Protein backbone atom coordinates (compact mmCIF):
# COMPACT_ATOMS: atom_id res chain seq x y z
CA MET A 1 0.00 0.00 0.00
CA THR A 2 1.43 3.36 -0.98
CA ILE A 3 1.65 6.27 1.40
CA ASP A 4 -0.86 8.19 -0.74
CA LYS A 5 -3.53 5.52 -0.27
CA MET A 6 -2.85 5.36 3.47
CA PHE A 7 -3.20 9.14 3.63
CA PHE A 8 -6.50 9.13 1.73
CA GLY A 9 -7.88 6.50 4.10
CA TYR A 10 -6.61 8.46 7.09
CA MET A 11 -8.21 11.66 5.84
CA ALA A 12 -11.51 9.88 5.15
CA LEU A 13 -11.43 8.62 8.75
CA VAL A 14 -10.58 12.11 10.04
CA GLY A 15 -13.42 13.65 8.02
CA LEU A 16 -15.87 11.03 9.31
CA LEU A 17 -14.76 11.54 12.91
CA ILE A 18 -14.97 15.33 12.74
CA GLY A 19 -18.38 15.10 11.09
CA ALA A 20 -19.59 12.69 13.78
CA ILE A 21 -18.26 14.96 16.53
CA LEU A 22 -20.07 17.92 15.00
CA VAL A 23 -23.32 15.94 14.84
CA ALA A 24 -22.99 14.65 18.41
CA ALA A 25 -21.94 17.98 19.92
CA PRO A 26 -22.71 20.92 17.58
CA ARG A 27 -21.39 23.51 20.05
CA VAL A 28 -17.88 22.10 19.57
CA GLY A 29 -17.89 23.88 16.19
CA ASP A 30 -17.90 27.20 18.05
CA PHE A 31 -14.57 26.42 19.70
CA TRP A 32 -11.82 28.97 19.02
CA ILE A 33 -10.11 26.50 16.65
CA LYS A 34 -12.66 25.92 13.88
CA PRO A 35 -13.27 22.38 12.49
CA TYR A 36 -11.68 23.42 9.19
CA PHE A 37 -8.37 23.78 11.02
CA TRP A 38 -8.81 20.36 12.65
CA VAL A 39 -8.46 18.90 9.16
CA VAL A 40 -5.36 21.01 8.51
CA ILE A 41 -3.86 19.83 11.82
CA ALA A 42 -4.58 16.20 10.85
CA VAL A 43 -2.72 16.72 7.55
CA VAL A 44 0.27 18.21 9.39
CA LEU A 45 0.32 15.34 11.90
CA PHE A 46 0.30 12.71 9.16
CA ASP A 47 2.99 14.49 7.18
CA GLY A 48 5.14 14.94 10.29
CA GLY A 49 4.71 11.28 11.22
CA ALA A 50 5.68 10.17 7.71
CA TYR A 51 8.77 12.37 7.84
CA LEU A 52 9.84 11.12 11.27
CA GLN A 53 9.31 7.48 10.35
CA ARG A 54 11.24 7.44 7.07
CA ARG A 55 13.47 10.52 7.26
CA ASN A 56 12.54 11.90 3.85
CA ALA A 57 13.39 8.69 1.95
CA PRO A 58 12.20 8.48 -1.66
CA GLY A 59 8.50 7.64 -1.80
CA ALA A 60 8.04 8.40 1.89
CA MET A 61 6.69 11.93 1.53
CA LEU A 62 3.35 12.95 0.09
CA THR A 63 3.14 14.92 -3.12
CA MET A 64 1.34 18.25 -3.04
CA GLN A 65 -1.47 16.81 -5.18
CA ALA A 66 -1.98 14.00 -2.65
CA ARG A 67 -2.02 16.48 0.23
CA LEU A 68 -4.59 18.62 -1.53
CA LEU A 69 -6.81 15.67 -2.48
CA GLY A 70 -6.63 14.27 1.07
CA PHE A 71 -7.49 17.68 2.48
CA VAL A 72 -10.48 17.96 0.16
CA ILE A 73 -11.65 14.45 1.15
CA GLY A 74 -11.49 15.41 4.83
CA VAL A 75 -13.28 18.73 4.40
CA VAL A 76 -16.01 17.29 2.16
CA LEU A 77 -16.81 14.53 4.65
CA MET A 78 -16.68 17.03 7.52
CA VAL A 79 -19.30 19.17 5.73
CA VAL A 80 -21.51 16.43 4.24
CA ILE A 81 -22.12 14.42 7.42
CA PRO A 82 -23.59 17.27 9.52
CA THR A 83 -25.50 18.56 6.48
CA LEU A 84 -27.13 15.16 5.96
CA ALA A 85 -27.95 15.11 9.68
CA GLY A 86 -29.84 18.38 9.21
CA LEU A 87 -27.51 20.70 11.10
CA PRO A 88 -26.82 24.24 9.87
CA ALA A 89 -23.49 24.65 8.09
CA ARG A 90 -21.06 26.60 10.30
CA PHE A 91 -17.66 25.11 9.60
CA PHE A 92 -15.48 28.06 8.64
């Protein structure tokens, strides 16, 4: 399994978890760090973990396209889940 596929799965899980948290406790979205930044923090944590594990070896780091696609996956799931649950959209 390539690091890109692991990252996409990780970001799908992060998006699902953030969406579930926002459905279970909508007031958490009013926290001073907005849910949008939770996704950014998850991307940074994955990238930092990949760097620390393989020390920048070839194929160990994500490409910018993979980072962007993973970020979009996380944000889309974060927005879609509460929207389908009928909550007002206040993510940014």
